[in-house]
Amino acid sequence: MRILSGFLLILSFNSFACELTAEYRSLRSEVTKQIREPYNSCIKSTRAHFYYKAVAKCKEEGRGENIGGGCYHIVGYEQTHDEKELEHCKILKPTIEQSKEHLKLVAKKKGIKKCSN
């Protein structure tokens, strides 16, 4: 009896579940990528800055001579920056609430339904 009531309880919760439409899933992926782009670009460009700064220093010191790939190879295996140097990008990182709100707004604007049932 206990197993049956547990099974029925699971089924009742399942009836409230929302099966996302294909359009909504696609939009969610697109919006997530879009809203995170400024943060990801900041991280990428900051890392590139430190990488090329280290490559220039390596070439200046002449450490890349007689090595296949030269300084680009050497610097690729070095730690070129501390994670603290990326903290200024955090202000651009969207919160989960901001992401959800933006998704709702875009879905409403485009007239895309969330649930298929």
PDB file of N, CA and C in Angstrom:
ATOM      1  N   MET A   1       0.823  -1.190   0.000  1.00  0.00           N
ATOM      2  CA  MET A   1       0.000   0.000   0.000  1.00  0.00           C
ATOM      3  C   MET A   1       0.871   1.258   0.000  1.00  0.00           C
ATOM      4  N   ARG A   2       1.944   1.206   0.784  1.00  0.00           N
ATOM      5  CA  ARG A   2       2.846   2.342   0.890  1.00  0.00           C
ATOM      6  C   ARG A   2       3.511   2.635  -0.457  1.00  0.00           C
ATOM      7  N   ILE A   3       3.887   1.576  -1.169  1.00  0.00           N
ATOM      8  CA  ILE A   3       4.529   1.730  -2.473  1.00  0.00           C
ATOM      9  C   ILE A   3       3.549   2.349  -3.469  1.00  0.00           C
ATOM     10  N   LEU A   4       2.314   1.875  -3.433  1.00  0.00           N
ATOM     11  CA  LEU A   4       1.296   2.398  -4.338  1.00  0.00           C
ATOM     12  C   LEU A   4       1.032   3.884  -4.083  1.00  0.00           C
ATOM     13  N   SER A   5       0.942   4.265  -2.812  1.00  0.00           N
ATOM     14  CA  SER A   5       0.689   5.684  -2.508  1.00  0.00           C
ATOM     15  C   SER A   5       1.892   6.540  -2.909  1.00  0.00           C
ATOM     16  N   GLY A   6       3.104   6.017  -2.761  1.00  0.00           N
ATOM     17  CA  GLY A   6       4.302   6.737  -3.202  1.00  0.00           C
ATOM     18  C   GLY A   6       4.314   6.918  -4.705  1.00  0.00           C
ATOM     19  N   PHE A   7       3.933   5.879  -5.423  1.00  0.00           N
ATOM     20  CA  PHE A   7       3.876   5.936  -6.885  1.00  0.00           C
ATOM     21  C   PHE A   7       2.841   6.957  -7.351  1.00  0.00           C
ATOM     22  N   LEU A   8       1.674   6.962  -6.711  1.00  0.00           N
ATOM     23  CA  LEU A   8       0.623   7.925  -7.063  1.00  0.00           C
ATOM     24  C   LEU A   8       1.053   9.355  -6.754  1.00  0.00           C
ATOM     25  N   LEU A   9       1.804   9.529  -5.691  1.00  0.00           N
ATOM     26  CA  LEU A   9       2.311  10.853  -5.332  1.00  0.00           C
ATOM     27  C   LEU A   9       3.266  11.367  -6.408  1.00  0.00           C
ATOM     28  N   ILE A  10       4.135  10.492  -6.883  1.00  0.00           N
ATOM     29  CA  ILE A  10       5.072  10.867  -7.949  1.00  0.00           C
ATOM     30  C   ILE A  10       4.307  11.239  -9.221  1.00  0.00           C
ATOM     31  N   LEU A  11       3.303  10.460  -9.559  1.00  0.00           N
ATOM     32  CA  LEU A  11       2.503  10.755 -10.750  1.00  0.00           C
ATOM     33  C   LEU A  11       1.765  12.085 -10.626  1.00  0.00           C
ATOM     34  N   SER A  12       1.305  12.402  -9.421  1.00  0.00           N
ATOM     35  CA  SER A  12       0.579  13.665  -9.256  1.00  0.00           C
ATOM     36  C   SER A  12       1.518  14.857  -9.441  1.00  0.00           C
ATOM     37  N   PHE A  13       2.755  14.759  -8.965  1.00  0.00           N
ATOM     38  CA  PHE A  13       3.726  15.831  -9.184  1.00  0.00           C
ATOM     39  C   PHE A  13       4.084  15.937 -10.660  1.00  0.00           C
ATOM     40  N   ASN A  14       4.139  14.802 -11.328  1.00  0.00           N
ATOM     41  CA  ASN A  14       4.492  14.774 -12.740  1.00  0.00           C
ATOM     42  C   ASN A  14       3.431  15.470 -13.595  1.00  0.00           C
ATOM     43  N   SER A  15       2.191  15.445 -13.137  1.00  0.00           N
ATOM     44  CA  SER A  15       1.131  16.090 -13.913  1.00  0.00           C
ATOM     45  C   SER A  15       1.273  17.613 -13.905  1.00  0.00           C
ATOM     46  N   PHE A  16       1.961  18.163 -12.905  1.00  0.00           N
ATOM     47  CA  PHE A  16       2.195  19.606 -12.843  1.00  0.00           C
ATOM     48  C   PHE A  16       3.428  20.020 -13.635  1.00  0.00           C
ATOM     49  N   ALA A  17       4.210  19.047 -14.075  1.00  0.00           N
ATOM     50  CA  ALA A  17       5.445  19.352 -14.804  1.00  0.00           C
ATOM     51  C   ALA A  17       5.117  19.982 -16.154  1.00  0.00           C
ATOM     52  N   CYS A  18       6.019  20.824 -16.580  1.00  0.00           N
ATOM     53  CA  CYS A  18       5.836  21.537 -17.843  1.00  0.00           C
ATOM     54  C   CYS A  18       6.840  20.986 -18.845  1.00  0.00           C
ATOM     55  N   GLU A  19       6.336  20.495 -19.954  1.00  0.00           N
ATOM     56  CA  GLU A  19       7.236  20.057 -21.019  1.00  0.00           C
ATOM     57  C   GLU A  19       7.499  21.256 -21.920  1.00  0.00           C
ATOM     58  N   LEU A  20       8.767  21.669 -21.971  1.00  0.00           N
ATOM     59  CA  LEU A  20       9.134  22.864 -22.729  1.00  0.00           C
ATOM     60  C   LEU A  20       8.983  22.627 -24.227  1.00  0.00           C
ATOM     61  N   THR A  21       8.502  23.646 -24.922  1.00  0.00           N
ATOM     62  CA  THR A  21       8.377  23.556 -26.377  1.00  0.00           C
ATOM     63  C   THR A  21       9.764  23.659 -27.006  1.00  0.00           C
ATOM     64  N   ALA A  22       9.894  23.157 -28.210  1.00  0.00           N
ATOM     65  CA  ALA A  22      11.182  23.199 -28.919  1.00  0.00           C
ATOM     66  C   ALA A  22      11.616  24.643 -29.160  1.00  0.00           C
ATOM     67  N   GLU A  23      10.652  25.504 -29.480  1.00  0.00           N
ATOM     68  CA  GLU A  23      10.968  26.918 -29.722  1.00  0.00           C
ATOM     69  C   GLU A  23      11.496  27.582 -28.456  1.00  0.00           C
ATOM     70  N   TYR A  24      10.881  27.246 -27.318  1.00  0.00           N
ATOM     71  CA  TYR A  24      11.298  27.841 -26.045  1.00  0.00           C
ATOM     72  C   TYR A  24      12.697  27.369 -25.662  1.00  0.00           C
ATOM     73  N   ARG A  25      12.966  26.078 -25.858  1.00  0.00           N
ATOM     74  CA  ARG A  25      14.308  25.556 -25.545  1.00  0.00           C
ATOM     75  C   ARG A  25      15.359  26.230 -26.409  1.00  0.00           C
ATOM     76  N   SER A  26      15.050  26.397 -27.682  1.00  0.00           N
ATOM     77  CA  SER A  26      15.969  27.063 -28.601  1.00  0.00           C
ATOM     78  C   SER A  26      16.183  28.519 -28.190  1.00  0.00           C
ATOM     79  N   LEU A  27      15.100  29.188 -27.844  1.00  0.00           N
ATOM     80  CA  LEU A  27      15.185  30.584 -27.400  1.00  0.00           C
ATOM     81  C   LEU A  27      15.992  30.692 -26.115  1.00  0.00           C
ATOM     82  N   ARG A  28      15.782  29.764 -25.189  1.00  0.00           N
ATOM     83  CA  ARG A  28      16.514  29.774 -23.916  1.00  0.00           C
ATOM     84  C   ARG A  28      18.007  29.672 -24.157  1.00  0.00           C
ATOM     85  N   SER A  29      18.405  28.795 -25.052  1.00  0.00           N
ATOM     86  CA  SER A  29      19.817  28.641 -25.390  1.00  0.00           C
ATOM     87  C   SER A  29      20.378  29.920 -26.007  1.00  0.00           C
ATOM     88  N   GLU A  30      19.627  30.495 -26.931  1.00  0.00           N
ATOM     89  CA  GLU A  30      20.044  31.723 -27.620  1.00  0.00           C
ATOM     90  C   GLU A  30      20.155  32.901 -26.642  1.00  0.00           C
ATOM     91  N   VAL A  31      19.159  33.048 -25.777  1.00  0.00           N
ATOM     92  CA  VAL A  31      19.140  34.154 -24.818  1.00  0.00           C
ATOM     93  C   VAL A  31      20.250  33.993 -23.782  1.00  0.00           C
ATOM     94  N   THR A  32      20.496  32.770 -23.349  1.00  0.00           N
ATOM     95  CA  THR A  32      21.567  32.522 -22.384  1.00  0.00           C
ATOM     96  C   THR A  32      22.909  32.927 -22.967  1.00  0.00           C
ATOM     97  N   LYS A  33      23.150  32.534 -24.196  1.00  0.00           N
ATOM     98  CA  LYS A  33      24.396  32.902 -24.868  1.00  0.00           C
ATOM     99  C   LYS A  33      24.498  34.421 -25.007  1.00  0.00           C
ATOM    100  N   GLN A  34      23.395  35.037 -25.379  1.00  0.00           N
ATOM    101  CA  GLN A  34      23.348  36.485 -25.603  1.00  0.00           C
ATOM    102  C   GLN A  34      23.593  37.275 -24.314  1.00  0.00           C
ATOM    103  N   ILE A  35      22.962  36.868 -23.222  1.00  0.00           N
ATOM    104  CA  ILE A  35      23.070  37.635 -21.985  1.00  0.00           C
ATOM    105  C   ILE A  35      24.433  37.439 -21.311  1.00  0.00           C
ATOM    106  N   ARG A  36      25.098  36.323 -21.587  1.00  0.00           N
ATOM    107  CA  ARG A  36      26.421  36.074 -20.996  1.00  0.00           C
ATOM    108  C   ARG A  36      27.573  36.593 -21.856  1.00  0.00           C
ATOM    109  N   GLU A  37      27.276  37.050 -23.063  1.00  0.00           N
ATOM    110  CA  GLU A  37      28.327  37.470 -23.991  1.00  0.00           C
ATOM    111  C   GLU A  37      29.241  38.568 -23.448  1.00  0.00           C
ATOM    112  N   PRO A  38      28.724  39.634 -22.836  1.00  0.00           N
ATOM    113  CA  PRO A  38      29.631  40.668 -22.317  1.00  0.00           C
ATOM    114  C   PRO A  38      30.612  40.131 -21.270  1.00  0.00           C
ATOM    115  N   TYR A  39      30.116  39.284 -20.370  1.00  0.00           N
ATOM    116  CA  TYR A  39      30.980  38.694 -19.341  1.00  0.00           C
ATOM    117  C   TYR A  39      32.038  37.799 -19.975  1.00  0.00           C
ATOM    118  N   ASN A  40      31.612  36.912 -20.871  1.00  0.00           N
ATOM    119  CA  ASN A  40      32.558  36.001 -21.519  1.00  0.00           C
ATOM    120  C   ASN A  40      33.585  36.755 -22.357  1.00  0.00           C
ATOM    121  N   SER A  41      33.164  37.822 -23.018  1.00  0.00           N
ATOM    122  CA  SER A  41      34.096  38.635 -23.812  1.00  0.00           C
ATOM    123  C   SER A  41      35.121  39.319 -22.925  1.00  0.00           C
ATOM    124  N   CYS A  42      34.685  39.799 -21.783  1.00  0.00           N
ATOM    125  CA  CYS A  42      35.598  40.443 -20.835  1.00  0.00           C
ATOM    126  C   CYS A  42      36.656  39.450 -20.360  1.00  0.00           C
ATOM    127  N   ILE A  43      36.234  38.262 -19.977  1.00  0.00           N
ATOM    128  CA  ILE A  43      37.168  37.225 -19.515  1.00  0.00           C
ATOM    129  C   ILE A  43      38.152  36.876 -20.628  1.00  0.00           C
ATOM    130  N   LYS A  44      37.635  36.649 -21.826  1.00  0.00           N
ATOM    131  CA  LYS A  44      38.474  36.250 -22.962  1.00  0.00           C
ATOM    132  C   LYS A  44      39.497  37.329 -23.307  1.00  0.00           C
ATOM    133  N   SER A  45      39.060  38.573 -23.373  1.00  0.00           N
ATOM    134  CA  SER A  45      39.989  39.644 -23.751  1.00  0.00           C
ATOM    135  C   SER A  45      41.018  39.914 -22.659  1.00  0.00           C
ATOM    136  N   THR A  46      40.631  39.782 -21.403  1.00  0.00           N
ATOM    137  CA  THR A  46      41.581  39.981 -20.305  1.00  0.00           C
ATOM    138  C   THR A  46      42.638  38.888 -20.321  1.00  0.00           C
ATOM    139  N   ARG A  47      42.213  37.648 -20.523  1.00  0.00           N
ATOM    140  CA  ARG A  47      43.185  36.549 -20.608  1.00  0.00           C
ATOM    141  C   ARG A  47      44.117  36.737 -21.802  1.00  0.00           C
ATOM    142  N   ALA A  48      43.568  37.180 -22.933  1.00  0.00           N
ATOM    143  CA  ALA A  48      44.389  37.421 -24.129  1.00  0.00           C
ATOM    144  C   ALA A  48      45.411  38.519 -23.860  1.00  0.00           C
ATOM    145  N   HIS A  49      45.001  39.548 -23.142  1.00  0.00           N
ATOM    146  CA  HIS A  49      45.919  40.638 -22.794  1.00  0.00           C
ATOM    147  C   HIS A  49      47.134  40.101 -22.039  1.00  0.00           C
ATOM    148  N   PHE A  50      46.886  39.315 -21.006  1.00  0.00           N
ATOM    149  CA  PHE A  50      47.992  38.789 -20.211  1.00  0.00           C
ATOM    150  C   PHE A  50      48.831  37.782 -20.997  1.00  0.00           C
ATOM    151  N   TYR A  51      48.188  36.992 -21.855  1.00  0.00           N
ATOM    152  CA  TYR A  51      48.900  36.013 -22.667  1.00  0.00           C
ATOM    153  C   TYR A  51      49.885  36.713 -23.605  1.00  0.00           C
ATOM    154  N   TYR A  52      49.400  37.690 -24.363  1.00  0.00           N
ATOM    155  CA  TYR A  52      50.276  38.368 -25.330  1.00  0.00           C
ATOM    156  C   TYR A  52      51.313  39.252 -24.649  1.00  0.00           C
ATOM    157  N   LYS A  53      50.995  39.734 -23.475  1.00  0.00           N
ATOM    158  CA  LYS A  53      51.979  40.484 -22.694  1.00  0.00           C
ATOM    159  C   LYS A  53      53.120  39.543 -22.287  1.00  0.00           C
ATOM    160  N   ALA A  54      52.775  38.322 -21.886  1.00  0.00           N
ATOM    161  CA  ALA A  54      53.784  37.329 -21.511  1.00  0.00           C
ATOM    162  C   ALA A  54      54.587  36.874 -22.730  1.00  0.00           C
ATOM    163  N   VAL A  55      53.937  36.748 -23.894  1.00  0.00           N
ATOM    164  CA  VAL A  55      54.645  36.375 -25.125  1.00  0.00           C
ATOM    165  C   VAL A  55      55.664  37.453 -25.479  1.00  0.00           C
ATOM    166  N   ALA A  56      55.274  38.714 -25.378  1.00  0.00           N
ATOM    167  CA  ALA A  56      56.188  39.820 -25.685  1.00  0.00           C
ATOM    168  C   ALA A  56      57.385  39.818 -24.738  1.00  0.00           C
ATOM    169  N   LYS A  57      57.128  39.567 -23.464  1.00  0.00           N
ATOM    170  CA  LYS A  57      58.215  39.526 -22.477  1.00  0.00           C
ATOM    171  C   LYS A  57      59.152  38.357 -22.768  1.00  0.00           C
ATOM    172  N   CYS A  58      58.579  37.219 -23.134  1.00  0.00           N
ATOM    173  CA  CYS A  58      59.369  36.035 -23.469  1.00  0.00           C
ATOM    174  C   CYS A  58      60.277  36.316 -24.665  1.00  0.00           C
ATOM    175  N   LYS A  59      59.724  36.961 -25.696  1.00  0.00           N
ATOM    176  CA  LYS A  59      60.523  37.289 -26.885  1.00  0.00           C
ATOM    177  C   LYS A  59      61.615  38.290 -26.544  1.00  0.00           C
ATOM    178  N   GLU A  60      61.281  39.235 -25.702  1.00  0.00           N
ATOM    179  CA  GLU A  60      62.248  40.246 -25.277  1.00  0.00           C
ATOM    180  C   GLU A  60      63.421  39.590 -24.545  1.00  0.00           C
ATOM    181  N   GLU A  61      63.124  38.578 -23.747  1.00  0.00           N
ATOM    182  CA  GLU A  61      64.153  37.866 -22.987  1.00  0.00           C
ATOM    183  C   GLU A  61      64.862  36.812 -23.829  1.00  0.00           C
ATOM    184  N   GLY A  62      64.316  36.488 -24.994  1.00  0.00           N
ATOM    185  CA  GLY A  62      64.929  35.503 -25.876  1.00  0.00           C
ATOM    186  C   GLY A  62      64.750  34.064 -25.424  1.00  0.00           C
ATOM    187  N   ARG A  63      63.717  33.798 -24.633  1.00  0.00           N
ATOM    188  CA  ARG A  63      63.511  32.436 -24.115  1.00  0.00           C
ATOM    189  C   ARG A  63      62.949  31.473 -25.152  1.00  0.00           C
ATOM    190  N   GLY A  64      62.378  31.972 -26.228  1.00  0.00           N
ATOM    191  CA  GLY A  64      61.725  31.101 -27.197  1.00  0.00           C
ATOM    192  C   GLY A  64      62.607  30.611 -28.323  1.00  0.00           C
ATOM    193  N   GLU A  65      63.852  31.015 -28.319  1.00  0.00           N
ATOM    194  CA  GLU A  65      64.761  30.604 -29.389  1.00  0.00           C
ATOM    195  C   GLU A  65      65.079  29.118 -29.280  1.00  0.00           C
ATOM    196  N   ASN A  66      65.206  28.462 -30.423  1.00  0.00           N
ATOM    197  CA  ASN A  66      65.536  27.035 -30.516  1.00  0.00           C
ATOM    198  C   ASN A  66      64.470  26.136 -29.889  1.00  0.00           C
ATOM    199  N   ILE A  67      63.252  26.617 -29.818  1.00  0.00           N
ATOM    200  CA  ILE A  67      62.147  25.818 -29.289  1.00  0.00           C
ATOM    201  C   ILE A  67      61.040  25.832 -30.333  1.00  0.00           C
ATOM    202  N   GLY A  68      60.544  24.660 -30.681  1.00  0.00           N
ATOM    203  CA  GLY A  68      59.433  24.581 -31.639  1.00  0.00           C
ATOM    204  C   GLY A  68      58.208  25.295 -31.091  1.00  0.00           C
ATOM    205  N   GLY A  69      57.714  26.248 -31.821  1.00  0.00           N
ATOM    206  CA  GLY A  69      56.567  27.031 -31.355  1.00  0.00           C
ATOM    207  C   GLY A  69      56.983  28.299 -30.642  1.00  0.00           C
ATOM    208  N   GLY A  70      58.241  28.382 -30.277  1.00  0.00           N
ATOM    209  CA  GLY A  70      58.787  29.584 -29.651  1.00  0.00           C
ATOM    210  C   GLY A  70      58.066  29.995 -28.385  1.00  0.00           C
ATOM    211  N   CYS A  71      57.997  31.300 -28.209  1.00  0.00           N
ATOM    212  CA  CYS A  71      57.393  31.856 -26.994  1.00  0.00           C
ATOM    213  C   CYS A  71      55.911  31.516 -26.866  1.00  0.00           C
ATOM    214  N   TYR A  72      55.227  31.375 -27.996  1.00  0.00           N
ATOM    215  CA  TYR A  72      53.805  31.022 -27.932  1.00  0.00           C
ATOM    216  C   TYR A  72      53.629  29.662 -27.255  1.00  0.00           C
ATOM    217  N   HIS A  73      54.533  28.751 -27.539  1.00  0.00           N
ATOM    218  CA  HIS A  73      54.496  27.424 -26.939  1.00  0.00           C
ATOM    219  C   HIS A  73      54.828  27.509 -25.451  1.00  0.00           C
ATOM    220  N   ILE A  74      55.875  28.234 -25.132  1.00  0.00           N
ATOM    221  CA  ILE A  74      56.305  28.358 -23.733  1.00  0.00           C
ATOM    222  C   ILE A  74      55.211  29.002 -22.884  1.00  0.00           C
ATOM    223  N   VAL A  75      54.708  30.131 -23.344  1.00  0.00           N
ATOM    224  CA  VAL A  75      53.708  30.879 -22.573  1.00  0.00           C
ATOM    225  C   VAL A  75      52.404  30.099 -22.451  1.00  0.00           C
ATOM    226  N   GLY A  76      52.097  29.276 -23.434  1.00  0.00           N
ATOM    227  CA  GLY A  76      50.890  28.458 -23.371  1.00  0.00           C
ATOM    228  C   GLY A  76      50.880  27.506 -22.191  1.00  0.00           C
ATOM    229  N   TYR A  77      52.057  27.167 -21.683  1.00  0.00           N
ATOM    230  CA  TYR A  77      52.158  26.259 -20.540  1.00  0.00           C
ATOM    231  C   TYR A  77      52.418  26.988 -19.228  1.00  0.00           C
ATOM    232  N   GLU A  78      52.471  28.302 -19.270  1.00  0.00           N
ATOM    233  CA  GLU A  78      52.695  29.086 -18.058  1.00  0.00           C
ATOM    234  C   GLU A  78      51.376  29.659 -17.557  1.00  0.00           C
ATOM    235  N   GLN A  79      51.372  30.015 -16.286  1.00  0.00           N
ATOM    236  CA  GLN A  79      50.228  30.747 -15.748  1.00  0.00           C
ATOM    237  C   GLN A  79      50.543  32.223 -15.947  1.00  0.00           C
ATOM    238  N   THR A  80      49.780  32.879 -16.791  1.00  0.00           N
ATOM    239  CA  THR A  80      50.095  34.259 -17.168  1.00  0.00           C
ATOM    240  C   THR A  80      49.400  35.298 -16.301  1.00  0.00           C
ATOM    241  N   HIS A  81      48.411  34.883 -15.532  1.00  0.00           N
ATOM    242  CA  HIS A  81      47.685  35.837 -14.696  1.00  0.00           C
ATOM    243  C   HIS A  81      47.102  35.129 -13.487  1.00  0.00           C
ATOM    244  N   ASP A  82      46.744  35.924 -12.514  1.00  0.00           N
ATOM    245  CA  ASP A  82      46.076  35.437 -11.315  1.00  0.00           C
ATOM    246  C   ASP A  82      44.571  35.617 -11.517  1.00  0.00           C
ATOM    247  N   GLU A  83      43.779  34.745 -10.952  1.00  0.00           N
ATOM    248  CA  GLU A  83      42.324  34.835 -11.120  1.00  0.00           C
ATOM    249  C   GLU A  83      41.762  36.148 -10.569  1.00  0.00           C
ATOM    250  N   LYS A  84      42.464  36.763  -9.628  1.00  0.00           N
ATOM    251  CA  LYS A  84      42.018  38.047  -9.075  1.00  0.00           C
ATOM    252  C   LYS A  84      41.992  39.128 -10.150  1.00  0.00           C
ATOM    253  N   GLU A  85      42.827  38.965 -11.170  1.00  0.00           N
ATOM    254  CA  GLU A  85      42.900  39.961 -12.237  1.00  0.00           C
ATOM    255  C   GLU A  85      41.699  39.898 -13.183  1.00  0.00           C
ATOM    256  N   LEU A  86      40.850  38.905 -12.990  1.00  0.00           N
ATOM    257  CA  LEU A  86      39.642  38.775 -13.809  1.00  0.00           C
ATOM    258  C   LEU A  86      38.392  39.254 -13.063  1.00  0.00           C
ATOM    259  N   GLU A  87      38.567  39.650 -11.805  1.00  0.00           N
ATOM    260  CA  GLU A  87      37.415  40.002 -10.971  1.00  0.00           C
ATOM    261  C   GLU A  87      36.641  41.212 -11.470  1.00  0.00           C
ATOM    262  N   HIS A  88      37.296  42.105 -12.198  1.00  0.00           N
ATOM    263  CA  HIS A  88      36.573  43.278 -12.696  1.00  0.00           C
ATOM    264  C   HIS A  88      35.471  42.888 -13.682  1.00  0.00           C
ATOM    265  N   CYS A  89      35.570  41.687 -14.236  1.00  0.00           N
ATOM    266  CA  CYS A  89      34.552  41.219 -15.189  1.00  0.00           C
ATOM    267  C   CYS A  89      33.271  40.761 -14.480  1.00  0.00           C
ATOM    268  N   LYS A  90      33.369  40.477 -13.181  1.00  0.00           N
ATOM    269  CA  LYS A  90      32.214  39.932 -12.455  1.00  0.00           C
ATOM    270  C   LYS A  90      30.996  40.847 -12.485  1.00  0.00           C
ATOM    271  N   ILE A  91      31.238  42.146 -12.611  1.00  0.00           N
ATOM    272  CA  ILE A  91      30.107  43.075 -12.645  1.00  0.00           C
ATOM    273  C   ILE A  91      29.240  42.843 -13.886  1.00  0.00           C
ATOM    274  N   LEU A  92      29.816  42.246 -14.918  1.00  0.00           N
ATOM    275  CA  LEU A  92      29.086  41.965 -16.158  1.00  0.00           C
ATOM    276  C   LEU A  92      28.369  40.618 -16.143  1.00  0.00           C
ATOM    277  N   LYS A  93      28.671  39.782 -15.130  1.00  0.00           N
ATOM    278  CA  LYS A  93      28.082  38.445 -15.074  1.00  0.00           C
ATOM    279  C   LYS A  93      26.625  38.540 -14.615  1.00  0.00           C
ATOM    280  N   PRO A  94      25.704  38.068 -15.445  1.00  0.00           N
ATOM    281  CA  PRO A  94      24.286  38.169 -15.072  1.00  0.00           C
ATOM    282  C   PRO A  94      23.923  37.154 -13.989  1.00  0.00           C
ATOM    283  N   THR A  95      22.992  37.533 -13.126  1.00  0.00           N
ATOM    284  CA  THR A  95      22.499  36.603 -12.115  1.00  0.00           C
ATOM    285  C   THR A  95      21.481  35.671 -12.773  1.00  0.00           C
ATOM    286  N   ILE A  96      21.142  34.612 -12.082  1.00  0.00           N
ATOM    287  CA  ILE A  96      20.143  33.672 -12.586  1.00  0.00           C
ATOM    288  C   ILE A  96      18.795  34.380 -12.723  1.00  0.00           C
ATOM    289  N   GLU A  97      18.483  35.235 -11.756  1.00  0.00           N
ATOM    290  CA  GLU A  97      17.218  35.968 -11.801  1.00  0.00           C
ATOM    291  C   GLU A  97      17.160  36.889 -13.023  1.00  0.00           C
ATOM    292  N   GLN A  98      18.264  37.575 -13.303  1.00  0.00           N
ATOM    293  CA  GLN A  98      18.311  38.450 -14.478  1.00  0.00           C
ATOM    294  C   GLN A  98      18.132  37.646 -15.763  1.00  0.00           C
ATOM    295  N   SER A  99      18.775  36.491 -15.812  1.00  0.00           N
ATOM    296  CA  SER A  99      18.663  35.634 -16.997  1.00  0.00           C
ATOM    297  C   SER A  99      17.230  35.162 -17.202  1.00  0.00           C
ATOM    298  N   LYS A 100      16.594  34.715 -16.115  1.00  0.00           N
ATOM    299  CA  LYS A 100      15.209  34.239 -16.211  1.00  0.00           C
ATOM    300  C   LYS A 100      14.272  35.369 -16.637  1.00  0.00           C
ATOM    301  N   GLU A 101      14.470  36.537 -16.055  1.00  0.00           N
ATOM    302  CA  GLU A 101      13.613  37.680 -16.381  1.00  0.00           C
ATOM    303  C   GLU A 101      13.770  38.090 -17.846  1.00  0.00           C
ATOM    304  N   HIS A 102      15.008  38.098 -18.317  1.00  0.00           N
ATOM    305  CA  HIS A 102      15.265  38.452 -19.716  1.00  0.00           C
ATOM    306  C   HIS A 102      14.643  37.419 -20.659  1.00  0.00           C
ATOM    307  N   LEU A 103      14.748  36.151 -20.292  1.00  0.00           N
ATOM    308  CA  LEU A 103      14.151  35.085 -21.102  1.00  0.00           C
ATOM    309  C   LEU A 103      12.633  35.252 -21.173  1.00  0.00           C
ATOM    310  N   LYS A 104      12.001  35.525 -20.036  1.00  0.00           N
ATOM    311  CA  LYS A 104      10.544  35.739 -20.024  1.00  0.00           C
ATOM    312  C   LYS A 104      10.160  36.907 -20.927  1.00  0.00           C
ATOM    313  N   LEU A 105      10.917  37.982 -20.837  1.00  0.00           N
ATOM    314  CA  LEU A 105      10.633  39.177 -21.627  1.00  0.00           C
ATOM    315  C   LEU A 105      10.744  38.902 -23.127  1.00  0.00           C
ATOM    316  N   VAL A 106      11.826  38.223 -23.522  1.00  0.00           N
ATOM    317  CA  VAL A 106      12.038  37.920 -24.943  1.00  0.00           C
ATOM    318  C   VAL A 106      10.984  36.932 -25.447  1.00  0.00           C
ATOM    319  N   ALA A 107      10.657  35.925 -24.628  1.00  0.00           N
ATOM    320  CA  ALA A 107       9.639  34.943 -25.022  1.00  0.00           C
ATOM    321  C   ALA A 107       8.286  35.625 -25.208  1.00  0.00           C
ATOM    322  N   LYS A 108       7.959  36.540 -24.308  1.00  0.00           N
ATOM    323  CA  LYS A 108       6.685  37.263 -24.411  1.00  0.00           C
ATOM    324  C   LYS A 108       6.671  38.148 -25.654  1.00  0.00           C
ATOM    325  N   LYS A 109       7.795  38.824 -25.898  1.00  0.00           N
ATOM    326  CA  LYS A 109       7.896  39.720 -27.051  1.00  0.00           C
ATOM    327  C   LYS A 109       7.758  38.950 -28.368  1.00  0.00           C
ATOM    328  N   LYS A 110       8.341  37.732 -28.409  1.00  0.00           N
ATOM    329  CA  LYS A 110       8.291  36.929 -29.634  1.00  0.00           C
ATOM    330  C   LYS A 110       7.057  36.034 -29.700  1.00  0.00           C
ATOM    331  N   GLY A 111       6.285  35.988 -28.613  1.00  0.00           N
ATOM    332  CA  GLY A 111       5.074  35.175 -28.588  1.00  0.00           C
ATOM    333  C   GLY A 111       5.346  33.680 -28.542  1.00  0.00           C
ATOM    334  N   ILE A 112       6.399  33.281 -27.841  1.00  0.00           N
ATOM    335  CA  ILE A 112       6.761  31.863 -27.748  1.00  0.00           C
ATOM    336  C   ILE A 112       6.233  31.295 -26.436  1.00  0.00           C
ATOM    337  N   LYS A 113       5.471  30.198 -26.536  1.00  0.00           N
ATOM    338  CA  LYS A 113       4.921  29.536 -25.354  1.00  0.00           C
ATOM    339  C   LYS A 113       6.001  28.709 -24.672  1.00  0.00           C
ATOM    340  N   LYS A 114       5.933  28.672 -23.337  1.00  0.00           N
ATOM    341  CA  LYS A 114       6.903  27.905 -22.561  1.00  0.00           C
ATOM    342  C   LYS A 114       6.537  26.418 -22.535  1.00  0.00           C
ATOM    343  N   CYS A 115       5.294  26.113 -22.233  1.00  0.00           N
ATOM    344  CA  CYS A 115       4.863  24.721 -22.067  1.00  0.00           C
ATOM    345  C   CYS A 115       4.050  24.240 -23.266  1.00  0.00           C
ATOM    346  N   SER A 116       4.219  22.956 -23.559  1.00  0.00           N
ATOM    347  CA  SER A 116       3.488  22.384 -24.692  1.00  0.00           C
ATOM    348  C   SER A 116       2.122  21.848 -24.286  1.00  0.00           C
ATOM    349  N   ASN A 117       1.881  21.645 -22.990  1.00  0.00           N
ATOM    350  CA  ASN A 117       0.590  21.097 -22.559  1.00  0.00           C
ATOM    351  C   ASN A 117      -0.376  22.136 -22.163  1.00  0.00           C
TER     352      ASN A 117
END
